[in-house]
Amino acid sequence: MISNASSAFDRAKRINDQAEQSARKEGKLYKKIGELSMDVEFLKKAAVSLGSNCQLSMMIEADKNHPSVRRQCELLELSRSGHYRREKCSAFSS
């Protein structure tokens, strides 16, 4: 009986480790769901006003409620440098 006691603790440790691993995976999945939800909302907005690269570039918003500028450029298939160049030009023309 005493010789089997250590196996009971080992099993409990393995179960605990598996639970922690599952919790970490679940957290990563929820984070990814949040990112994808933001992407979907961004693309819905983009689909409404599809137009030239300049118009698409003007849709990009840099705040915490939107995907990163990098991600928005990827989704719209725009180069980031082109976005910043157009942003600078539109600021001067206003």
N, C-alpha and C. Protein backbone atom coordinates (compact mmCIF):
# COMPACT_ATOMS: atom_id res chain seq x y z
N MET A 1 0.81 -1.19 0.00
CA MET A 1 0.00 0.00 0.00
C MET A 1 0.86 1.26 0.00
N ILE A 2 1.86 1.30 0.83
CA ILE A 2 2.75 2.46 0.88
C ILE A 2 3.51 2.60 -0.43
N SER A 3 3.88 1.50 -1.04
CA SER A 3 4.61 1.55 -2.30
C SER A 3 3.75 2.13 -3.42
N ASN A 4 2.44 2.02 -3.35
CA ASN A 4 1.54 2.56 -4.35
C ASN A 4 1.15 4.01 -4.08
N ALA A 5 1.48 4.52 -2.90
CA ALA A 5 1.10 5.89 -2.53
C ALA A 5 1.73 6.91 -3.46
N SER A 6 2.98 6.70 -3.84
CA SER A 6 3.63 7.68 -4.71
C SER A 6 2.96 7.74 -6.09
N SER A 7 2.46 6.63 -6.58
CA SER A 7 1.79 6.64 -7.89
C SER A 7 0.50 7.44 -7.83
N ALA A 8 -0.17 7.47 -6.69
CA ALA A 8 -1.39 8.26 -6.54
C ALA A 8 -1.07 9.75 -6.63
N PHE A 9 0.03 10.18 -6.01
CA PHE A 9 0.44 11.58 -6.07
C PHE A 9 0.90 11.95 -7.48
N ASP A 10 1.61 11.03 -8.15
CA ASP A 10 2.06 11.27 -9.52
C ASP A 10 0.87 11.47 -10.45
N ARG A 11 -0.14 10.64 -10.27
CA ARG A 11 -1.34 10.75 -11.11
C ARG A 11 -2.04 12.09 -10.87
N ALA A 12 -2.15 12.49 -9.62
CA ALA A 12 -2.79 13.76 -9.29
C ALA A 12 -2.00 14.92 -9.91
N LYS A 13 -0.68 14.85 -9.89
CA LYS A 13 0.16 15.89 -10.48
C LYS A 13 -0.05 15.94 -11.99
N ARG A 14 -0.11 14.78 -12.64
CA ARG A 14 -0.34 14.74 -14.09
C ARG A 14 -1.70 15.33 -14.44
N ILE A 15 -2.70 15.02 -13.66
CA ILE A 15 -4.04 15.56 -13.91
C ILE A 15 -4.04 17.07 -13.75
N ASN A 16 -3.35 17.56 -12.72
CA ASN A 16 -3.25 18.99 -12.49
C ASN A 16 -2.50 19.68 -13.64
N ASP A 17 -1.41 19.07 -14.10
CA ASP A 17 -0.65 19.62 -15.22
C ASP A 17 -1.50 19.69 -16.49
N GLN A 18 -2.27 18.64 -16.74
CA GLN A 18 -3.14 18.62 -17.91
C GLN A 18 -4.21 19.70 -17.82
N ALA A 19 -4.74 19.92 -16.64
CA ALA A 19 -5.76 20.96 -16.45
C ALA A 19 -5.17 22.34 -16.71
N GLU A 20 -3.95 22.57 -16.23
CA GLU A 20 -3.29 23.86 -16.47
C GLU A 20 -3.02 24.06 -17.95
N GLN A 21 -2.58 23.00 -18.62
CA GLN A 21 -2.32 23.07 -20.06
C GLN A 21 -3.60 23.39 -20.82
N SER A 22 -4.68 22.74 -20.44
CA SER A 22 -5.97 22.99 -21.09
C SER A 22 -6.42 24.43 -20.87
N ALA A 23 -6.21 24.95 -19.68
CA ALA A 23 -6.60 26.33 -19.38
C ALA A 23 -5.79 27.31 -20.23
N ARG A 24 -4.50 27.05 -20.40
CA ARG A 24 -3.67 27.92 -21.24
C ARG A 24 -4.14 27.88 -22.69
N LYS A 25 -4.42 26.69 -23.20
CA LYS A 25 -4.91 26.56 -24.57
C LYS A 25 -6.23 27.29 -24.74
N GLU A 26 -7.10 27.15 -23.75
CA GLU A 26 -8.41 27.81 -23.81
C GLU A 26 -8.24 29.32 -23.85
N GLY A 27 -7.32 29.85 -23.04
CA GLY A 27 -7.05 31.28 -23.05
C GLY A 27 -6.56 31.77 -24.40
N LYS A 28 -5.67 30.99 -25.02
CA LYS A 28 -5.16 31.36 -26.35
C LYS A 28 -6.29 31.33 -27.38
N LEU A 29 -7.17 30.35 -27.28
CA LEU A 29 -8.28 30.26 -28.22
C LEU A 29 -9.25 31.43 -28.07
N TYR A 30 -9.55 31.80 -26.82
CA TYR A 30 -10.42 32.96 -26.61
C TYR A 30 -9.79 34.24 -27.14
N LYS A 31 -8.48 34.37 -26.98
CA LYS A 31 -7.78 35.54 -27.51
C LYS A 31 -7.89 35.57 -29.03
N LYS A 32 -7.70 34.42 -29.66
CA LYS A 32 -7.79 34.33 -31.13
C LYS A 32 -9.21 34.63 -31.59
N ILE A 33 -10.21 34.15 -30.86
CA ILE A 33 -11.60 34.45 -31.21
C ILE A 33 -11.84 35.96 -31.18
N GLY A 34 -11.30 36.62 -30.17
CA GLY A 34 -11.45 38.07 -30.07
C GLY A 34 -10.80 38.78 -31.24
N GLU A 35 -9.60 38.35 -31.62
CA GLU A 35 -8.90 38.96 -32.75
C GLU A 35 -9.69 38.76 -34.05
N LEU A 36 -10.19 37.55 -34.24
CA LEU A 36 -10.94 37.26 -35.46
C LEU A 36 -12.27 38.02 -35.50
N SER A 37 -12.89 38.21 -34.36
CA SER A 37 -14.12 38.99 -34.30
C SER A 37 -13.85 40.43 -34.71
N MET A 38 -12.73 40.98 -34.23
CA MET A 38 -12.35 42.34 -34.62
C MET A 38 -12.09 42.41 -36.13
N ASP A 39 -11.43 41.38 -36.67
CA ASP A 39 -11.14 41.34 -38.10
C ASP A 39 -12.43 41.33 -38.92
N VAL A 40 -13.40 40.53 -38.48
CA VAL A 40 -14.67 40.43 -39.19
C VAL A 40 -15.38 41.78 -39.20
N GLU A 41 -15.43 42.45 -38.05
CA GLU A 41 -16.09 43.76 -37.99
C GLU A 41 -15.39 44.77 -38.89
N PHE A 42 -14.06 44.73 -38.89
CA PHE A 42 -13.28 45.64 -39.73
C PHE A 42 -13.59 45.37 -41.20
N LEU A 43 -13.62 44.10 -41.60
CA LEU A 43 -13.86 43.77 -43.00
C LEU A 43 -15.30 44.09 -43.42
N LYS A 44 -16.26 43.97 -42.50
CA LYS A 44 -17.64 44.36 -42.82
C LYS A 44 -17.68 45.84 -43.18
N LYS A 45 -16.97 46.63 -42.38
CA LYS A 45 -16.93 48.07 -42.63
C LYS A 45 -16.22 48.35 -43.95
N ALA A 46 -15.15 47.61 -44.25
CA ALA A 46 -14.39 47.81 -45.48
C ALA A 46 -15.22 47.43 -46.70
N ALA A 47 -16.01 46.37 -46.58
CA ALA A 47 -16.80 45.89 -47.71
C ALA A 47 -17.84 46.91 -48.14
N VAL A 48 -18.32 47.70 -47.21
CA VAL A 48 -19.35 48.69 -47.52
C VAL A 48 -18.79 49.78 -48.43
N SER A 49 -17.54 50.12 -48.24
CA SER A 49 -17.01 51.25 -49.00
C SER A 49 -15.77 50.87 -49.80
N LEU A 50 -15.81 49.71 -50.45
CA LEU A 50 -14.67 49.32 -51.27
C LEU A 50 -14.42 50.37 -52.34
N GLY A 51 -13.17 50.65 -52.54
CA GLY A 51 -12.82 51.65 -53.53
C GLY A 51 -11.35 51.58 -53.83
N SER A 52 -10.76 52.72 -54.10
CA SER A 52 -9.34 52.78 -54.44
C SER A 52 -8.49 52.51 -53.21
N ASN A 53 -7.21 52.29 -53.44
CA ASN A 53 -6.28 52.08 -52.32
C ASN A 53 -6.29 53.27 -51.38
N CYS A 54 -6.43 54.45 -51.95
CA CYS A 54 -6.44 55.66 -51.10
C CYS A 54 -7.66 55.63 -50.18
N GLN A 55 -8.82 55.26 -50.72
CA GLN A 55 -10.03 55.19 -49.90
C GLN A 55 -9.89 54.09 -48.85
N LEU A 56 -9.34 52.94 -49.25
CA LEU A 56 -9.15 51.85 -48.31
C LEU A 56 -8.18 52.26 -47.21
N SER A 57 -7.13 52.96 -47.59
CA SER A 57 -6.13 53.39 -46.63
C SER A 57 -6.73 54.35 -45.60
N MET A 58 -7.68 55.15 -46.03
CA MET A 58 -8.31 56.12 -45.12
C MET A 58 -9.20 55.41 -44.10
N MET A 59 -9.59 54.16 -44.38
CA MET A 59 -10.42 53.41 -43.44
C MET A 59 -9.64 52.89 -42.25
N ILE A 60 -8.33 52.81 -42.40
CA ILE A 60 -7.50 52.21 -41.35
C ILE A 60 -7.51 53.13 -40.13
N GLU A 61 -7.83 52.54 -38.99
CA GLU A 61 -7.90 53.29 -37.74
C GLU A 61 -6.92 52.70 -36.74
N ALA A 62 -6.19 53.57 -36.10
CA ALA A 62 -5.19 53.12 -35.12
C ALA A 62 -5.71 53.39 -33.71
N ASP A 63 -6.45 52.46 -33.18
CA ASP A 63 -6.84 52.55 -31.77
C ASP A 63 -7.05 51.14 -31.23
N LYS A 64 -7.24 51.04 -29.94
CA LYS A 64 -7.29 49.72 -29.30
C LYS A 64 -8.54 48.92 -29.63
N ASN A 65 -9.56 49.57 -30.20
CA ASN A 65 -10.80 48.86 -30.54
C ASN A 65 -10.77 48.27 -31.94
N HIS A 66 -9.64 48.39 -32.63
CA HIS A 66 -9.48 47.87 -33.97
C HIS A 66 -8.23 47.00 -34.03
N PRO A 67 -8.16 46.16 -35.05
CA PRO A 67 -6.91 45.40 -35.22
C PRO A 67 -5.75 46.39 -35.41
N SER A 68 -4.54 45.91 -35.24
CA SER A 68 -3.38 46.78 -35.42
C SER A 68 -3.34 47.30 -36.86
N VAL A 69 -2.62 48.40 -37.06
CA VAL A 69 -2.48 48.97 -38.40
C VAL A 69 -1.88 47.92 -39.33
N ARG A 70 -0.90 47.18 -38.82
CA ARG A 70 -0.27 46.12 -39.61
C ARG A 70 -1.31 45.11 -40.08
N ARG A 71 -2.16 44.68 -39.17
CA ARG A 71 -3.17 43.67 -39.49
C ARG A 71 -4.22 44.23 -40.45
N GLN A 72 -4.64 45.49 -40.25
CA GLN A 72 -5.61 46.10 -41.14
C GLN A 72 -5.05 46.20 -42.55
N CYS A 73 -3.78 46.56 -42.68
CA CYS A 73 -3.14 46.63 -44.00
C CYS A 73 -3.10 45.24 -44.64
N GLU A 74 -2.78 44.22 -43.85
CA GLU A 74 -2.78 42.85 -44.37
C GLU A 74 -4.16 42.46 -44.88
N LEU A 75 -5.20 42.76 -44.11
CA LEU A 75 -6.56 42.38 -44.46
C LEU A 75 -7.03 43.09 -45.73
N LEU A 76 -6.58 44.32 -45.91
CA LEU A 76 -6.98 45.10 -47.08
C LEU A 76 -6.01 44.94 -48.24
N GLU A 77 -4.95 44.16 -48.01
CA GLU A 77 -3.89 43.93 -48.99
C GLU A 77 -3.26 45.25 -49.45
N LEU A 78 -2.95 46.09 -48.48
CA LEU A 78 -2.25 47.35 -48.71
C LEU A 78 -0.88 47.26 -48.05
N SER A 79 0.09 47.98 -48.61
CA SER A 79 1.39 48.03 -47.93
C SER A 79 1.30 49.06 -46.81
N ARG A 80 1.97 48.76 -45.71
CA ARG A 80 1.94 49.71 -44.58
C ARG A 80 2.62 51.01 -44.97
N SER A 81 3.74 50.93 -45.69
CA SER A 81 4.45 52.16 -46.06
C SER A 81 3.57 53.03 -46.95
N GLY A 82 2.83 52.38 -47.87
CA GLY A 82 1.91 53.14 -48.71
C GLY A 82 0.81 53.80 -47.90
N HIS A 83 0.33 53.09 -46.88
CA HIS A 83 -0.70 53.66 -46.01
C HIS A 83 -0.17 54.91 -45.31
N TYR A 84 1.02 54.82 -44.74
CA TYR A 84 1.57 55.98 -44.02
C TYR A 84 1.89 57.12 -44.98
N ARG A 85 2.34 56.80 -46.19
CA ARG A 85 2.63 57.84 -47.18
C ARG A 85 1.34 58.55 -47.56
N ARG A 86 0.26 57.80 -47.81
CA ARG A 86 -1.03 58.42 -48.15
C ARG A 86 -1.57 59.22 -46.98
N GLU A 87 -1.36 58.73 -45.77
CA GLU A 87 -1.82 59.43 -44.57
C GLU A 87 -1.14 60.79 -44.46
N LYS A 88 0.17 60.82 -44.71
CA LYS A 88 0.93 62.07 -44.64
C LYS A 88 0.47 63.03 -45.72
N CYS A 89 0.24 62.53 -46.95
CA CYS A 89 -0.20 63.38 -48.05
C CYS A 89 -1.58 63.96 -47.78
N SER A 90 -2.49 63.14 -47.27
CA SER A 90 -3.85 63.64 -47.02
C SER A 90 -3.85 64.68 -45.89
N ALA A 91 -2.91 64.60 -44.97
CA ALA A 91 -2.82 65.59 -43.89
C ALA A 91 -2.37 66.94 -44.46
N PHE A 92 -1.48 66.90 -45.45
CA PHE A 92 -1.01 68.15 -46.06
C PHE A 92 -2.03 68.76 -46.99
N SER A 93 -2.84 67.93 -47.63
CA SER A 93 -3.82 68.46 -48.59
C SER A 93 -5.06 69.01 -47.90
N SER A 94 -5.23 68.71 -46.62
CA SER A 94 -6.42 69.20 -45.90
C SER A 94 -6.28 70.63 -45.48
